Amino acid sequence: MDEIVNCILKRRSIRAYSNKIVPEELIKKILECGIYAPTAKNRQKWHFTVITNKERIEEINKLTIEGMEKIGIEVDPNHHIFHHAPVVVILSSKLGGYSRVNAGCAVENMSIAAESLNLGSCIIGQTRYMYHDADKNDIDRLLKIPENYDHDVSICFGYPSGDRPDAKPRKEDVIDYIL
């Protein structure tokens, strides 16, 4: 089977990470794959904030959970948004056009790159909740999000702790052909 196709088919969201540090060269390779994702009209109006500082990751986790609770989302007190991963990347973009699609392409590229490098990843949409009832400018400064850019999505990386989960059954009858 083609190596890339195999990598896509075996990739799973990892929700348990070891404490092992991810080497900087692997982080850079994953980010390179992210910035090589397609963007509408090749505008590349995005920004990647890489966080490896454990205290900063914990702070973002806390802000996100607080935001979720403020709008009535129940959160298990032991839940960690980033599953204790040692690397978190926050994607932001200049809004307009297809910024959310562009961010989706970038995180998918990064998740597949992580898989190919024997790392786990998990795409995290919950970080948008950290903005609820908080000062956007304060959070953007904390995350080094450029002016006139908005948070899109996050992704975390690390070495999986334990076995990778099995694939969940895929839904059938979700494809139609028009010939």
Protein backbone atom coordinates (compact mmCIF):
# COMPACT_ATOMS: atom_id res chain seq x y z
CA MET A 1 0.00 0.00 0.00
CA ASP A 2 1.21 3.51 -0.70
CA GLU A 3 3.13 4.88 2.30
CA ILE A 4 1.14 8.13 2.50
CA VAL A 5 -2.21 6.39 2.19
CA ASN A 6 -1.17 3.90 4.88
CA CYS A 7 -0.15 6.76 7.17
CA ILE A 8 -3.53 8.48 6.67
CA LEU A 9 -5.45 5.27 7.33
CA LYS A 10 -3.57 4.40 10.54
CA ARG A 11 -3.61 7.93 12.05
CA ARG A 12 -5.71 8.20 15.23
CA SER A 13 -6.42 10.99 17.71
CA ILE A 14 -4.16 10.37 20.67
CA ARG A 15 -5.49 11.33 24.07
CA ALA A 16 -2.65 10.12 26.32
CA TYR A 17 0.95 11.30 26.00
CA SER A 18 4.22 10.37 27.65
CA ASN A 19 6.45 13.01 29.25
CA LYS A 20 9.12 12.45 26.60
CA ILE A 21 10.28 15.71 25.02
CA VAL A 22 9.64 16.06 21.29
CA PRO A 23 12.90 17.07 19.55
CA GLU A 24 12.85 20.54 18.00
CA GLU A 25 13.71 19.19 14.55
CA LEU A 26 10.54 17.06 14.57
CA ILE A 27 8.42 20.04 15.65
CA LYS A 28 9.93 22.10 12.82
CA LYS A 29 9.24 19.33 10.29
CA ILE A 30 5.60 19.13 11.40
CA LEU A 31 5.24 22.92 11.15
CA GLU A 32 6.81 22.87 7.70
CA CYS A 33 4.14 20.39 6.61
CA GLY A 34 1.53 22.72 8.08
CA ILE A 35 2.70 25.76 6.13
CA TYR A 36 2.81 23.70 2.95
CA ALA A 37 -0.92 23.03 3.19
CA PRO A 38 -3.02 24.61 0.47
CA THR A 39 -4.66 27.98 1.09
CA ALA A 40 -7.31 29.81 -0.90
CA LYS A 41 -5.57 31.82 -3.62
CA ASN A 42 -2.27 30.89 -1.90
CA ARG A 43 -2.71 33.83 0.48
CA GLN A 44 -1.19 31.99 3.47
CA LYS A 45 -2.76 34.47 5.91
CA TRP A 46 -2.19 32.30 8.94
CA HIS A 47 -0.03 32.20 12.02
CA PHE A 48 1.21 29.25 14.10
CA THR A 49 1.95 29.68 17.81
CA VAL A 50 4.04 26.79 19.16
CA ILE A 51 3.88 26.18 22.90
CA THR A 52 6.19 23.75 24.66
CA ASN A 53 6.19 25.53 28.03
CA LYS A 54 4.24 23.27 30.38
CA GLU A 55 3.04 26.17 32.59
CA ARG A 56 1.70 28.05 29.53
CA ILE A 57 -0.07 24.92 28.30
CA GLU A 58 -1.66 24.54 31.74
CA GLU A 59 -2.74 28.20 31.68
CA ILE A 60 -4.45 27.78 28.30
CA ASN A 61 -6.06 24.56 29.53
CA LYS A 62 -7.44 26.43 32.56
CA LEU A 63 -8.72 29.37 30.49
CA THR A 64 -10.43 27.00 28.06
CA ILE A 65 -12.15 25.01 30.80
CA GLU A 66 -13.26 28.23 32.53
CA GLY A 67 -14.71 29.47 29.24
CA MET A 68 -16.57 26.20 28.73
CA GLU A 69 -18.01 26.31 32.23
CA LYS A 70 -19.13 29.95 31.78
CA ILE A 71 -21.40 28.93 28.93
CA GLY A 72 -22.73 25.86 30.73
CA ILE A 73 -20.58 23.07 29.29
CA GLU A 74 -19.88 20.53 32.02
CA VAL A 75 -16.25 19.53 32.22
CA ASP A 76 -14.84 16.61 34.18
CA PRO A 77 -12.44 18.17 36.73
CA ASN A 78 -9.71 15.72 35.64
CA HIS A 79 -10.09 16.53 31.93
CA HIS A 80 -7.12 18.15 30.24
CA ILE A 81 -7.95 19.85 26.92
CA PHE A 82 -4.55 18.88 25.46
CA HIS A 83 -4.37 15.43 27.10
CA HIS A 84 -1.06 16.46 28.74
CA ALA A 85 0.71 16.64 25.38
CA PRO A 86 4.13 18.35 25.51
CA VAL A 87 3.55 20.41 22.34
CA VAL A 88 0.55 22.59 21.48
CA VAL A 89 0.17 24.60 18.29
CA ILE A 90 -2.47 27.32 18.06
CA LEU A 91 -3.49 28.31 14.52
CA SER A 92 -4.87 31.74 13.85
CA SER A 93 -5.64 33.54 10.63
CA LYS A 94 -6.71 36.79 9.12
CA LEU A 95 -10.43 36.29 8.78
CA GLY A 96 -12.08 36.35 5.43
CA GLY A 97 -12.47 34.02 2.56
CA TYR A 98 -11.67 30.47 3.51
CA SER A 99 -9.58 30.95 6.66
CA ARG A 100 -11.23 28.07 8.53
CA VAL A 101 -10.78 25.70 5.58
CA ASN A 102 -7.13 26.75 5.29
CA ALA A 103 -6.59 26.06 9.00
CA GLY A 104 -8.24 22.65 8.59
CA CYS A 105 -5.88 21.78 5.77
CA ALA A 106 -2.88 22.84 7.88
CA VAL A 107 -3.84 20.82 10.97
CA GLU A 108 -4.56 17.77 8.84
CA ASN A 109 -1.14 18.04 7.20
CA MET A 110 0.45 18.38 10.63
CA SER A 111 -1.45 15.42 12.08
CA ILE A 112 -0.39 13.19 9.18
CA ALA A 113 3.20 14.44 9.45
CA ALA A 114 3.18 13.62 13.18
CA GLU A 115 1.93 10.12 12.41
CA SER A 116 4.70 9.62 9.86
CA LEU A 117 7.25 10.65 12.51
CA ASN A 118 5.81 8.15 15.06
CA LEU A 119 4.24 10.92 17.11
CA GLY A 120 0.64 11.21 18.19
CA SER A 121 -1.61 14.19 17.62
CA CYS A 122 -5.06 15.42 18.47
CA ILE A 123 -6.85 18.30 16.77
CA ILE A 124 -8.52 20.46 19.42
CA GLY A 125 -11.45 22.75 18.63
CA GLN A 126 -12.30 23.49 22.26
CA THR A 127 -9.70 26.23 22.65
CA ARG A 128 -12.18 28.66 21.08
CA TYR A 129 -13.99 28.60 24.42
CA MET A 130 -11.16 30.41 26.19
CA TYR A 131 -12.49 33.61 24.59
CA HIS A 132 -15.89 33.38 26.31
CA ASP A 133 -16.26 36.22 28.78
CA ALA A 134 -12.54 37.02 28.51
CA ASP A 135 -10.64 39.94 27.01
CA LYS A 136 -9.75 38.89 23.44
CA ASN A 137 -6.71 41.18 23.40
CA ASP A 138 -5.31 39.60 26.58
CA ILE A 139 -5.69 36.09 25.18
CA ASP A 140 -4.27 37.08 21.79
CA ARG A 141 -1.23 38.60 23.53
CA LEU A 142 -0.82 35.47 25.64
CA LEU A 143 -0.88 33.32 22.48
CA LYS A 144 1.11 35.77 20.32
CA ILE A 145 -1.75 35.96 17.84
CA PRO A 146 -1.05 38.84 15.44
CA GLU A 147 -3.26 41.91 15.34
CA ASN A 148 -6.32 41.47 13.11
CA TYR A 149 -6.01 37.68 13.30
CA ASP A 150 -8.43 35.33 15.06
CA HIS A 151 -8.01 31.95 16.69
CA ASP A 152 -8.96 29.06 14.42
CA VAL A 153 -8.03 25.72 15.96
CA SER A 154 -5.35 23.97 17.98
CA ILE A 155 -3.46 20.72 17.66
CA CYS A 156 -1.31 18.92 20.21
CA PHE A 157 1.58 16.51 19.66
CA GLY A 158 3.73 14.12 21.59
CA TYR A 159 4.79 10.55 22.02
CA PRO A 160 1.76 8.35 22.71
CA SER A 161 1.51 6.78 26.13
CA GLY A 162 0.37 3.22 25.61
CA ASP A 163 -1.10 1.60 22.54
CA ARG A 164 -2.73 3.56 19.77
CA PRO A 165 -6.49 3.15 19.72
CA ASP A 166 -8.13 0.95 17.11
CA ALA A 167 -10.06 2.61 14.32
CA LYS A 168 -13.73 3.16 15.02
CA PRO A 169 -16.08 1.60 12.47
CA ARG A 170 -16.68 3.92 9.54
CA LYS A 171 -20.18 4.87 8.47
CA GLU A 172 -21.41 3.14 5.37
CA ASP A 173 -23.52 4.63 2.60
CA VAL A 174 -21.91 8.07 2.85
CA ILE A 175 -20.71 8.19 -0.76
CA ASP A 176 -22.78 8.74 -3.86
CA TYR A 177 -21.49 8.82 -7.41
CA ILE A 178 -23.01 10.89 -10.16
CA LEU A 179 -21.90 9.40 -13.46
